[in-house]
Amino acid sequence: MKIYLDNAATTPVAKEVLEVMLPYFSEKFGNASSIHSYGREAKEAIEKSREKIAKKLNAEPGEIIFTSGGTESNNWALKGVALAGKNLKDGGKPHIITTKIEHSCVLNSAKFLEKNGFEVTYIDVDKYGLVETEKFEEAIRKDTILATVIHGNNEI
């Protein structure tokens, strides 16, 4: 019997999800940005999904953003938060904390932000890949606007 142990990278689709999604792979496959009936039908399904998710999260539908995957999501989160907090009142460089074992998309975003006026602290981890609380707390400063710590890394 095969055992799959890479769920941090990807997981099989739940049967209930697959059942609901099947029509969108074969019958309702329109581009939601198109104005034809297939596109309008796809857009309506996306907007209904957005509303359901927003309701579950006690959020507004406009606050729900669908992305193509983890890399795009990380880029939106890091760059979006960082750029929104870029202008510190004292004129200093905004500070970001991350770890040395983040996913490459996070590390690449951190490097991009460094090149664009941010200061980034990269925290070491212990031999088990865990962030030591004291090191993390020591890295926090008055000008820290964002901290990101990976929960599970499937690539190390």
Foldseek 3Di string as FASTA:
>chain_A
DDDDDLVVVPDDDDPVVCVVCVCCVPPLVDCCVDPDPSNVSVVVVVLVVLCVVCVVVVHDSVVDDDDPDDLVVLLCVVVVQCVVLQCDPVRAAAEEEEEPPDDVSNVVSVVVVVVVRHHYDYAYAPPVRHGDPVSVVVRDDPRHRYYDYDPDDSPD
